Amino acid sequence: MSRNKAAFNTKISASLTIYMALMLPILLSLVLALFTGARIRAEKMKVEIVTDIAGNAVLGEYNRPLRQQYGLLMVDTAYDKGSPALSNMTERLDYYLSANTDGNTISQIGEFLLNTSNFSELSLADVSVPEYTFAGDNGSAVVQRQIFSYLEAEPLEGLLGSAEEATSGKSDIEGQGAGGEDISFFENVVGVFEKISALFTDNSDQDLGGHTEDEVDLEDARQTQETMSDIAGQDAQTKKFSILDLVIPESETVSDASFDTGSVYTGRSNCLQGTGLSDNFDANVFENFGLFNIYLFEKFGYYKHPKENSHLQYQIEYLIGKKNTDKGNLAAVVWWLFAIRCVIDYVYAFRPDSKPGLVITPITEALCLIPVIGVTLAELVKLFLTAVYAFIEGRNDVAMLMSGGKVPIIKTDDSWKTDLFSGLHGVTGSNSYGPDYKGYLLILMLLHEAIGSVDEETKRMMDIMELDIRKVPGYSNFRIDGCIDCYKVTVTYDGESGHSYEFTRFFGYEEAPR
């Protein structure tokens, strides 16, 4: 009995050994398959992680002064190499990718010392940036998008003061005139502004003796300068800005800062262009005429409120004047203010019941008594005297603004401060209400944006950004068109498993375009 039991146990043990011998290859194959799959999965996961680390590390190297001064997040592709180039950023990507793969020197030393092997090791095979967006792509759409992204991210409570100040004279701009008739500022003034704009554009090169900058003849320019000096007893540069002498006291110092037009964004012909990865932006009316100007008055300086450490003192004036000198831009704004104030003052003075009208009417009535030519002469005298009144009052209005005072948009008897015997220097009277210089500057910006282009205005802002960033040590060659807003990177890795991986990822400071 015991002998049969021992034989039975022997048979069972033998059958189990054969079963295990048959199952072992299958189990090993399954384990190896699972291990290989896990290894490939680990390599793929590492591909994504390493690419994300490198791409975000490059985004983290944004231009600090550009962010601090203007709230824009962009990667300056110049780095410390002097000139901006996409290849410079590609080198930085290569550096971060190589540092985060397991094929670097540090990991190799660790493996040698510990006598270990990394089964998910990757090595970098290739990196490229096939798509990218420079700041100058699609006009100024990229910069505009960043501006509005900044405004969305920043609290607006502190910024709304500019908007409130701008609308403080709304009752003057849109309401009723001195006689009670309805007045719409934009309906009545924009048309006049367009006509004046055309006149100023036609004569924008008058300081070159009637020539454009490309056509100017040096001999003609010299003769023009000598003639002006003989007539006025001063040099051409002083004569050029004589409008400022009428409205700014001699005790006031006007900035004489200037720049080379060929050194800024709008003056260069070799601006860098990207592939248009994410360069579309369409702002609505509120963004263009509301938020845009809030940003403008927060980040840029203007007369008597210069931005600290800025190249130009009158930056917002540059957006209007488009000259390469502070004096030229301030003079352009003064001309605009003077022209607009003269037109508005003329409309008021032409009324018979206005303050000037009460003086002009008796004179014209007396002239009408002259036989034959009396009526015609009276009309001519009325037009002339009204123009003189408007000129004197308009000059005083601008002088009042330049000295920090306020001038209501629509004149009344109380806000009319001059007469025919008022001088053309200094300021006569003051007002307790109405927009100040900043308010009028905002009105000019709105008018320029209404008849012009926010895109063109933004390009001029990019000029100012370049000039200001160049004042920061280490950024003397800064070019905003060399700044990248977003990009796509394509990376190829070789895995320890023998597989090759190609991975493409979008990187930017905003969501990827759909």
Protein backbone atom coordinates (compact mmCIF):
# COMPACT_ATOMS: atom_id res chain seq x y z
CA MET A 1 0.00 0.00 0.00
CA SER A 2 2.74 2.44 0.92
CA ARG A 3 4.66 1.50 -2.20
CA ASN A 4 1.66 2.39 -4.44
CA LYS A 5 1.24 5.74 -2.65
CA ALA A 6 4.86 6.66 -3.22
CA ALA A 7 4.55 5.84 -6.91
CA PHE A 8 1.43 8.02 -7.15
CA ASN A 9 3.24 10.99 -5.55
CA THR A 10 6.15 10.52 -7.90
CA LYS A 11 3.84 10.68 -10.89
CA ILE A 12 2.18 13.88 -9.64
CA SER A 13 5.50 15.62 -9.05
CA ALA A 14 6.70 14.66 -12.47
CA SER A 15 3.52 15.97 -14.15
CA LEU A 16 3.84 19.36 -12.36
CA THR A 17 7.44 19.75 -13.45
CA ILE A 18 6.56 19.11 -17.08
CA TYR A 19 3.64 21.62 -16.86
CA MET A 20 5.86 24.32 -15.48
CA ALA A 21 8.47 23.63 -18.13
CA LEU A 22 5.83 24.09 -20.82
CA MET A 23 4.34 27.28 -19.28
CA LEU A 24 7.65 29.04 -18.58
CA PRO A 25 8.35 30.25 -22.18
CA ILE A 26 4.80 31.54 -22.43
CA LEU A 27 5.06 33.41 -19.13
CA LEU A 28 8.47 34.82 -20.02
CA SER A 29 7.16 36.03 -23.39
CA LEU A 30 4.22 37.69 -21.67
CA VAL A 31 6.47 39.36 -19.09
CA LEU A 32 8.89 40.55 -21.75
CA ALA A 33 6.02 41.88 -23.86
CA LEU A 34 4.61 43.75 -20.88
CA PHE A 35 8.08 45.08 -20.00
CA THR A 36 8.71 46.23 -23.57
CA GLY A 37 5.32 47.93 -23.71
CA ALA A 38 5.93 49.65 -20.39
CA ARG A 39 9.37 50.69 -21.56
CA ILE A 40 7.99 52.25 -24.74
CA ARG A 41 5.22 53.93 -22.74
CA ALA A 42 7.80 55.34 -20.33
CA GLU A 43 9.88 56.66 -23.23
CA LYS A 44 6.82 58.31 -24.80
CA MET A 45 5.88 59.89 -21.49
CA LYS A 46 9.43 61.12 -21.04
CA VAL A 47 9.34 62.58 -24.56
CA GLU A 48 6.36 64.76 -23.60
CA ILE A 49 7.78 65.73 -20.22
CA VAL A 50 11.21 66.67 -21.56
CA THR A 51 9.69 68.66 -24.43
CA ASP A 52 7.35 70.53 -22.08
CA ILE A 53 10.19 71.35 -19.70
CA ALA A 54 12.39 72.69 -22.49
CA GLY A 55 9.64 74.64 -24.23
CA ASN A 56 8.42 76.29 -21.05
CA ALA A 57 11.99 77.01 -19.96
CA VAL A 58 12.47 79.03 -23.15
CA LEU A 59 9.21 80.91 -22.49
CA GLY A 60 10.55 81.66 -19.03
CA GLU A 61 13.42 83.58 -20.62
CA TYR A 62 11.09 86.40 -21.72
CA ASN A 63 12.41 89.92 -22.09
CA ARG A 64 12.25 91.29 -18.52
CA PRO A 65 12.34 95.05 -19.33
CA LEU A 66 9.60 94.62 -21.94
CA ARG A 67 7.42 92.90 -19.35
CA GLN A 68 8.17 95.40 -16.59
CA GLN A 69 7.65 98.52 -18.70
CA TYR A 70 4.87 97.48 -21.07
CA GLY A 71 3.35 94.28 -19.70
CA LEU A 72 4.25 92.24 -22.81
CA LEU A 73 5.50 88.65 -22.63
CA MET A 74 7.86 87.84 -25.49
CA VAL A 75 11.10 85.93 -25.99
CA ASP A 76 13.88 88.15 -27.30
CA THR A 77 15.71 85.95 -29.81
CA ALA A 78 18.80 88.17 -29.66
CA TYR A 79 19.73 86.81 -26.21
CA ASP A 80 23.33 87.96 -25.67
CA LYS A 81 24.41 87.47 -29.27
CA GLY A 82 23.62 90.98 -30.50
CA SER A 83 21.25 90.30 -33.39
CA PRO A 84 17.89 88.51 -33.13
CA ALA A 85 17.58 85.20 -34.97
CA LEU A 86 15.41 82.11 -34.73
CA SER A 87 18.55 79.97 -34.57
CA ASN A 88 19.43 81.55 -31.21
CA MET A 89 16.19 80.31 -29.69
CA THR A 90 16.66 76.89 -31.31
CA GLU A 91 20.04 76.64 -29.57
CA ARG A 92 18.37 77.35 -26.23
CA LEU A 93 15.81 74.64 -26.91
CA ASP A 94 18.61 72.23 -27.80
CA TYR A 95 20.35 73.07 -24.53
CA TYR A 96 17.30 72.43 -22.35
CA LEU A 97 16.32 69.28 -24.25
CA SER A 98 19.81 67.81 -23.95
CA ALA A 99 20.00 68.66 -20.26
CA ASN A 100 16.74 66.85 -19.54
CA THR A 101 17.29 63.64 -21.50
CA ASP A 102 18.98 60.71 -19.79
CA GLY A 103 21.85 60.75 -22.24
CA ASN A 104 23.63 63.61 -20.56
CA THR A 105 26.99 63.46 -18.79
CA ILE A 106 25.60 63.58 -15.25
CA SER A 107 23.33 60.57 -15.76
CA GLN A 108 26.13 58.62 -17.42
CA ILE A 109 28.43 59.20 -14.42
CA GLY A 110 25.68 58.07 -12.06
CA GLU A 111 25.04 54.90 -14.04
CA PHE A 112 28.75 54.08 -14.02
CA LEU A 113 29.17 54.59 -10.28
CA LEU A 114 26.03 52.63 -9.37
CA ASN A 115 26.55 50.02 -12.07
CA THR A 116 22.98 50.49 -13.23
CA SER A 117 21.24 50.90 -16.55
CA ASN A 118 18.33 53.20 -17.47
CA PHE A 119 15.86 51.27 -19.58
CA SER A 120 13.96 54.47 -20.61
CA GLU A 121 16.98 56.49 -21.64
CA LEU A 122 16.50 59.02 -24.45
CA SER A 123 18.96 60.84 -26.64
CA LEU A 124 18.19 63.98 -28.65
CA ALA A 125 18.37 63.43 -32.40
CA ASP A 126 16.98 66.69 -33.83
CA VAL A 127 15.08 69.85 -32.85
CA SER A 128 13.42 72.41 -35.12
CA VAL A 129 10.92 75.28 -34.90
CA PRO A 130 8.75 74.99 -38.02
CA GLU A 131 6.14 77.59 -37.00
CA TYR A 132 6.53 80.77 -34.98
CA THR A 133 5.16 84.28 -34.59
CA PHE A 134 7.29 87.42 -34.35
CA ALA A 135 5.96 90.60 -32.78
CA GLY A 136 5.69 92.32 -36.16
CA ASP A 137 3.63 89.63 -37.88
CA ASN A 138 0.37 90.74 -39.51
CA GLY A 139 1.06 94.42 -38.95
CA SER A 140 0.71 94.94 -35.23
CA ALA A 141 -1.93 92.31 -34.45
CA VAL A 142 0.40 90.29 -32.21
CA VAL A 143 1.29 93.28 -30.03
CA GLN A 144 -2.36 94.35 -29.85
CA ARG A 145 -3.37 90.87 -28.71
CA GLN A 146 -0.73 90.95 -25.99
CA ILE A 147 -1.84 94.42 -24.89
CA PHE A 148 -5.43 93.31 -24.40
CA SER A 149 -4.29 90.10 -22.71
CA TYR A 150 -2.34 92.25 -20.26
CA LEU A 151 -5.40 94.41 -19.60
CA GLU A 152 -7.52 91.32 -18.99
CA ALA A 153 -4.99 89.96 -16.52
CA GLU A 154 -4.39 93.22 -14.64
CA PRO A 155 -7.00 94.79 -12.31
CA LEU A 156 -8.64 97.69 -14.10
CA GLU A 157 -9.81 99.59 -11.03
CA GLY A 158 -6.65 101.67 -10.97
CA LEU A 159 -6.73 102.24 -14.70
CA LEU A 160 -10.28 103.45 -15.00
CA GLY A 161 -9.29 106.85 -13.69
CA SER A 162 -7.96 107.67 -17.15
CA ALA A 163 -11.26 106.78 -18.72
CA GLU A 164 -13.19 108.80 -16.17
CA GLU A 165 -10.96 111.81 -16.75
CA ALA A 166 -11.42 111.42 -20.46
CA THR A 167 -15.19 111.44 -20.12
CA SER A 168 -15.31 114.21 -17.51
CA GLY A 169 -16.07 116.69 -20.27
CA LYS A 170 -18.75 114.55 -21.86
CA SER A 171 -21.43 117.12 -21.09
CA ASP A 172 -19.30 119.61 -23.00
CA ILE A 173 -18.64 117.24 -25.88
CA GLU A 174 -22.15 115.96 -26.41
CA GLY A 175 -24.97 118.16 -25.17
CA GLN A 176 -26.34 121.59 -25.90
CA GLY A 177 -24.52 124.63 -27.15
CA ALA A 178 -24.82 128.20 -25.91
CA GLY A 179 -28.04 128.73 -27.80
CA GLY A 180 -29.67 125.47 -26.74
CA GLU A 181 -29.25 123.58 -30.02
CA ASP A 182 -28.18 119.93 -29.92
CA ILE A 183 -24.50 119.38 -30.58
CA SER A 184 -22.68 116.12 -31.27
CA PHE A 185 -18.94 116.49 -30.96
CA PHE A 186 -18.03 113.65 -33.27
CA GLU A 187 -20.52 114.67 -35.93
CA ASN A 188 -19.38 118.29 -36.06
CA VAL A 189 -15.68 117.99 -35.34
CA VAL A 190 -14.57 114.80 -37.10
CA GLY A 191 -15.42 116.30 -40.47
CA VAL A 192 -13.41 119.42 -39.71
CA PHE A 193 -10.60 117.29 -38.33
CA GLU A 194 -10.40 115.29 -41.56
CA LYS A 195 -10.09 118.47 -43.61
CA ILE A 196 -7.40 119.84 -41.32
CA SER A 197 -5.63 116.47 -41.40
CA ALA A 198 -5.46 116.59 -45.17
CA LEU A 199 -4.09 120.14 -45.01
CA PHE A 200 -1.43 119.18 -42.46
CA THR A 201 -0.49 116.07 -44.42
CA ASP A 202 0.00 118.09 -47.59
CA ASN A 203 2.31 120.46 -45.73
CA SER A 204 4.02 117.99 -43.43
CA ASP A 205 7.35 118.53 -45.19
CA GLN A 206 7.23 122.33 -45.26
CA ASP A 207 10.40 122.49 -43.16
CA LEU A 208 12.29 120.96 -46.10
CA GLY A 209 11.52 123.89 -48.35
CA GLY A 210 8.60 122.18 -50.10
CA HIS A 211 10.52 118.99 -50.88
CA THR A 212 9.98 115.55 -49.45
CA GLU A 213 12.78 113.94 -47.50
CA ASP A 214 13.75 111.90 -50.56
CA GLU A 215 13.71 114.90 -52.93
CA VAL A 216 15.30 117.59 -50.80
CA ASP A 217 18.22 119.40 -52.40
CA LEU A 218 21.01 120.40 -50.04
CA GLU A 219 21.61 123.74 -51.77
CA ASP A 220 17.91 124.60 -51.65
CA ALA A 221 17.82 123.66 -47.99
CA ARG A 222 20.82 125.87 -47.25
CA GLN A 223 19.27 128.83 -49.08
CA THR A 224 15.98 128.29 -47.28
CA GLN A 225 17.76 128.30 -43.93
CA GLU A 226 19.64 131.50 -44.77
CA THR A 227 16.44 133.20 -45.91
CA MET A 228 14.63 132.26 -42.73
CA SER A 229 17.52 133.52 -40.64
CA ASP A 230 17.57 136.83 -42.49
CA ILE A 231 13.84 137.37 -42.13
CA ALA A 232 13.32 136.23 -38.57
CA GLY A 233 16.75 136.94 -37.13
CA GLN A 234 17.00 133.39 -35.84
CA ASP A 235 18.01 129.97 -37.11
CA ALA A 236 15.68 127.64 -38.97
CA GLN A 237 15.34 125.24 -36.05
CA THR A 238 13.95 127.98 -33.80
CA LYS A 239 11.65 129.21 -36.55
CA LYS A 240 10.37 125.71 -37.11
CA PHE A 241 8.90 125.50 -33.61
CA SER A 242 7.70 129.08 -33.29
CA ILE A 243 4.16 127.82 -32.58
CA LEU A 244 5.45 126.67 -29.19
CA ASP A 245 6.58 130.21 -28.40
CA LEU A 246 2.95 131.36 -28.57
CA VAL A 247 1.63 128.92 -25.98
CA ILE A 248 4.54 127.83 -23.77
CA PRO A 249 6.19 130.33 -21.39
CA GLU A 250 9.89 131.01 -21.84
CA SER A 251 10.49 129.66 -18.35
CA GLU A 252 9.27 126.22 -19.45
CA THR A 253 11.90 123.83 -20.80
CA VAL A 254 10.90 121.84 -23.87
CA SER A 255 12.63 118.51 -24.44
CA ASP A 256 14.99 118.38 -27.41
CA ALA A 257 15.30 114.56 -27.50
CA SER A 258 15.46 112.95 -30.94
CA PHE A 259 16.21 109.63 -32.61
CA ASP A 260 17.27 108.16 -35.93
CA THR A 261 14.14 107.12 -37.84
CA GLY A 262 16.04 104.29 -39.52
CA SER A 263 16.83 102.67 -36.18
CA VAL A 264 13.23 102.00 -35.10
CA TYR A 265 10.64 99.47 -36.19
CA THR A 266 8.68 101.66 -38.63
CA GLY A 267 11.89 102.93 -40.23
CA ARG A 268 13.47 99.54 -40.96
CA SER A 269 12.98 97.66 -44.21
CA ASN A 270 14.39 94.35 -42.95
CA CYS A 271 11.95 93.59 -40.15
CA LEU A 272 11.79 89.92 -39.19
CA GLN A 273 8.65 88.03 -40.14
CA GLY A 274 7.36 84.73 -38.78
CA THR A 275 5.13 82.08 -40.29
CA GLY A 276 1.89 83.52 -38.93
CA LEU A 277 1.30 80.81 -36.36
CA SER A 278 -1.08 82.88 -34.23
CA ASP A 279 -1.11 86.40 -35.64
CA ASN A 280 -4.82 87.12 -36.02
CA PHE A 281 -6.59 89.54 -33.72
CA ASP A 282 -9.77 91.52 -34.25
CA ALA A 283 -10.55 94.05 -31.55
CA ASN A 284 -14.07 95.35 -31.02
CA VAL A 285 -14.97 99.02 -30.78
CA PHE A 286 -14.76 99.11 -26.98
CA GLU A 287 -11.29 97.56 -27.04
CA ASN A 288 -9.99 99.89 -29.76
CA PHE A 289 -11.38 103.13 -28.36
CA GLY A 290 -11.60 102.27 -24.67
CA LEU A 291 -9.12 99.75 -23.32
CA PHE A 292 -6.47 100.63 -25.90
CA ASN A 293 -6.29 104.24 -24.71
CA ILE A 294 -6.38 103.21 -21.06
CA TYR A 295 -3.26 101.16 -21.72
CA LEU A 296 -1.73 104.02 -23.70
CA PHE A 297 -2.02 106.59 -20.92
CA GLU A 298 -0.85 104.08 -18.31
CA LYS A 299 2.33 103.00 -20.10
CA PHE A 300 3.40 106.05 -22.15
CA GLY A 301 4.43 109.56 -21.21
CA TYR A 302 3.25 112.91 -22.51
CA TYR A 303 3.86 116.64 -21.98
CA LYS A 304 4.49 117.43 -18.30
CA HIS A 305 3.97 113.74 -17.44
CA PRO A 306 7.04 112.03 -18.94
CA LYS A 307 7.69 108.36 -18.39
CA GLU A 308 10.65 107.69 -16.12
CA ASN A 309 13.89 106.82 -17.94
CA SER A 310 12.25 107.14 -21.35
CA HIS A 311 14.07 108.22 -24.52
CA LEU A 312 11.31 110.54 -25.74
CA GLN A 313 9.59 112.78 -23.21
CA TYR A 314 6.47 113.26 -25.32
CA GLN A 315 5.66 109.70 -26.35
CA ILE A 316 1.92 109.99 -26.96
CA GLU A 317 2.58 113.16 -28.93
CA TYR A 318 4.84 111.06 -31.18
CA LEU A 319 1.88 108.85 -32.08
CA ILE A 320 0.16 111.97 -33.43
CA GLY A 321 3.07 114.01 -34.77
CA LYS A 322 5.15 111.10 -36.14
CA LYS A 323 8.29 113.25 -36.03
CA ASN A 324 11.69 112.11 -34.79
CA THR A 325 12.05 114.94 -32.26
CA ASP A 326 10.17 115.80 -29.10
CA LYS A 327 9.83 119.41 -30.19
CA GLY A 328 8.41 118.43 -33.56
CA ASN A 329 5.82 116.12 -32.00
CA LEU A 330 4.79 118.64 -29.36
CA ALA A 331 4.50 121.33 -32.04
CA ALA A 332 2.30 119.02 -34.13
CA VAL A 333 -0.06 118.44 -31.20
CA VAL A 334 -0.16 122.17 -30.44
CA TRP A 335 -1.10 122.86 -34.06
CA TRP A 336 -3.93 120.34 -33.84
CA LEU A 337 -5.20 121.82 -30.58
CA PHE A 338 -4.92 125.35 -31.93
CA ALA A 339 -6.76 124.47 -35.15
CA ILE A 340 -9.58 122.68 -33.33
CA ARG A 341 -9.96 125.41 -30.72
CA CYS A 342 -10.00 128.13 -33.40
CA VAL A 343 -12.78 126.36 -35.30
CA ILE A 344 -14.90 125.82 -32.18
CA ASP A 345 -14.26 129.36 -30.93
CA TYR A 346 -15.11 130.78 -34.35
CA VAL A 347 -18.47 129.00 -34.33
CA TYR A 348 -19.27 130.52 -30.94
CA ALA A 349 -17.96 134.02 -31.80
CA PHE A 350 -20.03 134.13 -35.00
CA ARG A 351 -23.23 134.13 -32.96
CA PRO A 352 -24.72 137.66 -32.61
CA ASP A 353 -25.58 137.07 -28.94
CA SER A 354 -22.13 135.77 -28.00
CA LYS A 355 -19.62 137.81 -26.05
CA PRO A 356 -17.61 138.76 -29.19
CA GLY A 357 -20.83 139.08 -31.18
CA LEU A 358 -22.06 141.86 -28.92
CA VAL A 359 -18.97 143.86 -29.93
CA ILE A 360 -18.99 142.96 -33.62
CA THR A 361 -22.71 143.50 -34.26
CA PRO A 362 -22.79 147.31 -33.62
CA ILE A 363 -19.76 147.73 -35.89
CA THR A 364 -21.34 145.80 -38.75
CA GLU A 365 -24.66 147.62 -38.30
CA ALA A 366 -22.87 150.93 -38.63
CA LEU A 367 -21.06 149.77 -41.76
CA CYS A 368 -24.36 148.75 -43.34
CA LEU A 369 -25.33 152.44 -43.44
CA ILE A 370 -22.62 153.08 -46.06
CA PRO A 371 -24.28 153.29 -49.49
CA VAL A 372 -23.68 150.57 -52.13
CA ILE A 373 -20.81 148.71 -50.44
CA GLY A 374 -22.04 148.89 -46.86
CA VAL A 375 -23.63 145.42 -46.64
CA THR A 376 -20.74 143.69 -48.38
CA LEU A 377 -18.19 145.54 -46.29
CA ALA A 378 -20.09 144.69 -43.11
CA GLU A 379 -20.01 140.97 -43.95
CA LEU A 380 -16.27 141.06 -44.66
CA VAL A 381 -15.55 142.95 -41.46
CA LYS A 382 -17.69 140.50 -39.47
CA LEU A 383 -15.79 137.52 -40.90
CA PHE A 384 -12.44 139.20 -40.24
CA LEU A 385 -13.21 140.30 -36.68
CA THR A 386 -14.70 136.91 -35.83
CA ALA A 387 -11.55 135.22 -37.13
CA VAL A 388 -9.38 137.56 -35.06
CA TYR A 389 -11.43 136.84 -31.94
CA ALA A 390 -11.21 133.09 -32.61
CA PHE A 391 -7.45 133.29 -33.18
CA ILE A 392 -6.80 135.19 -29.95
CA GLU A 393 -9.12 133.00 -27.89
CA GLY A 394 -7.82 129.80 -29.50
CA ARG A 395 -4.23 130.72 -28.68
CA ASN A 396 -5.22 131.51 -25.11
CA ASP A 397 -7.08 128.19 -24.85
CA VAL A 398 -4.02 126.21 -25.91
CA ALA A 399 -1.74 128.26 -23.64
CA MET A 400 -4.12 127.53 -20.78
CA LEU A 401 -3.97 123.80 -21.53
CA MET A 402 -0.17 123.82 -21.77
CA SER A 403 0.05 125.54 -18.38
CA GLY A 404 -2.09 122.86 -16.72
CA GLY A 405 -5.48 124.58 -16.95
CA LYS A 406 -8.84 123.40 -18.24
CA VAL A 407 -10.81 124.48 -21.29
CA PRO A 408 -14.43 123.41 -21.88
CA ILE A 409 -15.14 122.00 -25.33
CA ILE A 410 -18.10 124.29 -26.06
CA LYS A 411 -17.59 127.95 -25.15
CA THR A 412 -20.02 130.06 -23.14
CA ASP A 413 -19.86 133.68 -22.05
CA ASP A 414 -18.29 132.59 -18.76
CA SER A 415 -15.53 130.54 -20.41
CA TRP A 416 -14.65 133.17 -23.04
CA LYS A 417 -11.58 134.90 -21.60
CA THR A 418 -10.13 137.30 -24.19
CA ASP A 419 -10.96 140.36 -26.27
CA LEU A 420 -9.40 142.19 -29.22
CA PHE A 421 -6.84 143.83 -26.96
CA SER A 422 -5.60 140.63 -25.34
CA GLY A 423 -1.97 139.82 -26.06
CA LEU A 424 -0.56 136.77 -27.79
CA HIS A 425 1.57 135.74 -24.82
CA GLY A 426 0.74 134.35 -21.42
CA VAL A 427 -2.62 133.09 -20.19
CA THR A 428 -5.72 135.19 -19.66
CA GLY A 429 -8.20 133.87 -17.09
CA SER A 430 -8.89 130.30 -15.98
CA ASN A 431 -11.69 127.72 -15.97
CA SER A 432 -12.89 125.48 -13.18
CA TYR A 433 -14.30 122.82 -15.50
CA GLY A 434 -13.60 121.14 -18.81
CA PRO A 435 -10.90 118.74 -20.04
CA ASP A 436 -7.26 119.50 -19.33
CA TYR A 437 -4.34 118.83 -21.68
CA LYS A 438 -4.54 115.09 -21.03
CA GLY A 439 -8.24 115.08 -21.88
CA TYR A 440 -7.65 116.93 -25.14
CA LEU A 441 -4.77 114.60 -25.95
CA LEU A 442 -7.12 111.66 -25.51
CA ILE A 443 -9.67 113.35 -27.77
CA LEU A 444 -6.96 113.76 -30.41
CA MET A 445 -6.06 110.09 -30.08
CA LEU A 446 -9.70 109.08 -30.49
CA LEU A 447 -10.02 111.27 -33.58
CA HIS A 448 -6.84 109.83 -35.08
CA GLU A 449 -8.09 106.32 -34.40
CA ALA A 450 -11.50 107.16 -35.90
CA ILE A 451 -10.12 108.48 -39.20
CA GLY A 452 -6.86 106.55 -39.18
CA SER A 453 -5.74 103.15 -37.99
CA VAL A 454 -5.08 101.60 -34.60
CA ASP A 455 -2.67 99.29 -36.42
CA GLU A 456 -0.50 102.22 -37.54
CA GLU A 457 -0.68 103.70 -34.06
CA THR A 458 0.49 100.43 -32.52
CA LYS A 459 3.49 100.33 -34.86
CA ARG A 460 4.52 103.77 -33.59
CA MET A 461 4.14 102.45 -30.06
CA MET A 462 6.56 99.68 -30.99
CA ASP A 463 9.07 102.37 -32.00
CA ILE A 464 8.83 103.87 -28.53
CA MET A 465 9.17 100.46 -26.89
CA GLU A 466 12.41 99.86 -28.78
CA LEU A 467 13.85 103.24 -27.81
CA ASP A 468 13.02 102.74 -24.13
CA ILE A 469 14.25 99.15 -23.85
CA ARG A 470 17.56 100.17 -25.43
CA LYS A 471 18.20 102.45 -22.47
CA VAL A 472 18.37 99.38 -20.22
CA PRO A 473 21.95 98.07 -19.82
CA GLY A 474 22.53 95.05 -22.03
CA TYR A 475 19.73 95.85 -24.48
CA SER A 476 21.34 98.56 -26.61
CA ASN A 477 20.51 96.66 -29.84
CA PHE A 478 17.00 95.61 -28.89
CA ARG A 479 14.58 95.04 -31.77
CA ILE A 480 10.96 94.29 -31.03
CA ASP A 481 10.50 92.51 -34.36
CA GLY A 482 13.02 89.96 -33.06
CA CYS A 483 10.72 88.96 -30.18
CA ILE A 484 8.73 85.73 -30.47
CA ASP A 485 5.22 85.49 -29.08
CA CYS A 486 4.55 81.77 -29.64
CA TYR A 487 6.01 78.84 -31.55
CA LYS A 488 5.74 75.15 -32.38
CA VAL A 489 8.71 72.88 -31.75
CA THR A 490 9.28 69.50 -33.38
CA VAL A 491 11.72 67.22 -31.55
CA THR A 492 13.07 63.80 -32.58
CA TYR A 493 14.38 61.42 -29.91
CA ASP A 494 16.15 58.07 -30.08
CA GLY A 495 15.08 55.70 -27.31
CA GLU A 496 17.13 52.98 -25.59
CA SER A 497 14.49 50.54 -26.77
CA GLY A 498 15.51 51.15 -30.37
CA HIS A 499 12.43 53.19 -31.19
CA SER A 500 12.52 56.75 -32.57
CA TYR A 501 9.98 59.37 -31.49
CA GLU A 502 8.94 62.62 -33.18
CA PHE A 503 6.89 65.00 -31.08
CA THR A 504 5.40 68.43 -31.91
CA ARG A 505 4.12 70.84 -29.27
CA PHE A 506 2.76 74.42 -29.27
CA PHE A 507 4.24 76.86 -26.77
CA GLY A 508 2.98 80.34 -26.03
CA TYR A 509 1.81 82.64 -23.28
CA GLU A 510 -1.79 82.10 -24.35
CA GLU A 511 -3.89 79.16 -25.49
CA ALA A 512 -2.93 77.38 -28.68
CA PRO A 513 -4.81 78.56 -31.79
CA ARG A 514 -7.60 76.29 -32.93
